[in-house]
Amino acid sequence: MEELNIGHTIVSRAVLVGMERAVREMKLAMRGEL
């Protein structure tokens, strides 16, 4: 994978769960741990 556009996804998720948790979840997902 060369590029991953995640900005919109993180902001959308952050509306529901908060920015800190949204970023943490995205990091886990990118590592395949979610």
N, C-alpha and C. Protein backbone atom coordinates (compact mmCIF):
# COMPACT_ATOMS: atom_id res chain seq x y z
N MET A 1 0.84 -1.16 0.00
CA MET A 1 0.00 0.00 0.00
C MET A 1 0.90 1.23 0.00
N GLU A 2 0.65 2.13 -0.93
CA GLU A 2 1.46 3.33 -1.03
C GLU A 2 0.87 4.52 -0.29
N GLU A 3 -0.45 4.59 -0.26
CA GLU A 3 -1.08 5.77 0.32
C GLU A 3 -2.40 5.38 0.97
N LEU A 4 -2.72 6.06 2.06
CA LEU A 4 -3.97 5.80 2.76
C LEU A 4 -4.59 7.15 3.13
N ASN A 5 -5.75 7.45 2.55
CA ASN A 5 -6.44 8.71 2.83
C ASN A 5 -7.44 8.47 3.96
N ILE A 6 -7.10 8.93 5.15
CA ILE A 6 -7.91 8.60 6.32
C ILE A 6 -8.51 9.82 7.02
N GLY A 7 -8.21 11.01 6.54
CA GLY A 7 -8.66 12.23 7.22
C GLY A 7 -10.16 12.28 7.44
N HIS A 8 -10.94 12.07 6.38
CA HIS A 8 -12.40 12.15 6.48
C HIS A 8 -12.92 11.07 7.41
N THR A 9 -12.36 9.89 7.33
CA THR A 9 -12.79 8.78 8.19
C THR A 9 -12.55 9.10 9.66
N ILE A 10 -11.39 9.62 9.99
CA ILE A 10 -11.08 9.94 11.38
C ILE A 10 -12.01 11.02 11.91
N VAL A 11 -12.21 12.07 11.12
CA VAL A 11 -13.07 13.17 11.57
C VAL A 11 -14.50 12.69 11.75
N SER A 12 -15.00 11.88 10.83
CA SER A 12 -16.36 11.35 10.94
C SER A 12 -16.50 10.49 12.19
N ARG A 13 -15.54 9.65 12.44
CA ARG A 13 -15.57 8.79 13.63
C ARG A 13 -15.43 9.62 14.90
N ALA A 14 -14.62 10.65 14.85
CA ALA A 14 -14.40 11.50 16.02
C ALA A 14 -15.67 12.20 16.47
N VAL A 15 -16.58 12.47 15.55
CA VAL A 15 -17.86 13.08 15.92
C VAL A 15 -18.59 12.18 16.90
N LEU A 16 -18.45 10.89 16.73
CA LEU A 16 -19.16 9.92 17.58
C LEU A 16 -18.39 9.55 18.84
N VAL A 17 -17.07 9.40 18.74
CA VAL A 17 -16.32 8.84 19.87
C VAL A 17 -15.22 9.75 20.41
N GLY A 18 -14.97 10.88 19.76
CA GLY A 18 -13.89 11.77 20.17
C GLY A 18 -12.64 11.53 19.33
N MET A 19 -11.86 12.58 19.16
CA MET A 19 -10.68 12.52 18.28
C MET A 19 -9.63 11.54 18.80
N GLU A 20 -9.36 11.56 20.09
CA GLU A 20 -8.32 10.68 20.64
C GLU A 20 -8.64 9.21 20.36
N ARG A 21 -9.86 8.81 20.64
CA ARG A 21 -10.25 7.41 20.42
C ARG A 21 -10.27 7.08 18.93
N ALA A 22 -10.74 8.01 18.10
CA ALA A 22 -10.79 7.77 16.66
C ALA A 22 -9.40 7.52 16.09
N VAL A 23 -8.43 8.32 16.52
CA VAL A 23 -7.05 8.14 16.05
C VAL A 23 -6.48 6.82 16.56
N ARG A 24 -6.73 6.52 17.82
CA ARG A 24 -6.25 5.25 18.40
C ARG A 24 -6.82 4.06 17.63
N GLU A 25 -8.11 4.09 17.33
CA GLU A 25 -8.74 3.00 16.59
C GLU A 25 -8.18 2.89 15.18
N MET A 26 -7.92 4.03 14.53
CA MET A 26 -7.38 4.00 13.17
C MET A 26 -5.98 3.40 13.17
N LYS A 27 -5.16 3.75 14.16
CA LYS A 27 -3.82 3.16 14.26
C LYS A 27 -3.89 1.65 14.43
N LEU A 28 -4.80 1.20 15.28
CA LEU A 28 -4.97 -0.25 15.48
C LEU A 28 -5.41 -0.93 14.19
N ALA A 29 -6.36 -0.31 13.49
CA ALA A 29 -6.86 -0.89 12.24
C ALA A 29 -5.76 -0.96 11.19
N MET A 30 -4.92 0.06 11.12
CA MET A 30 -3.83 0.08 10.13
C MET A 30 -2.80 -1.00 10.42
N ARG A 31 -2.66 -1.37 11.69
CA ARG A 31 -1.74 -2.44 12.07
C ARG A 31 -2.40 -3.81 12.01
N GLY A 32 -3.70 -3.85 11.72
CA GLY A 32 -4.43 -5.11 11.64
C GLY A 32 -4.80 -5.66 13.00
N GLU A 33 -4.85 -4.79 14.01
CA GLU A 33 -5.13 -5.24 15.37
C GLU A 33 -6.56 -4.95 15.81
N LEU A 34 -7.39 -4.46 14.91
CA LEU A 34 -8.75 -4.11 15.27
C LEU A 34 -9.72 -5.03 14.60
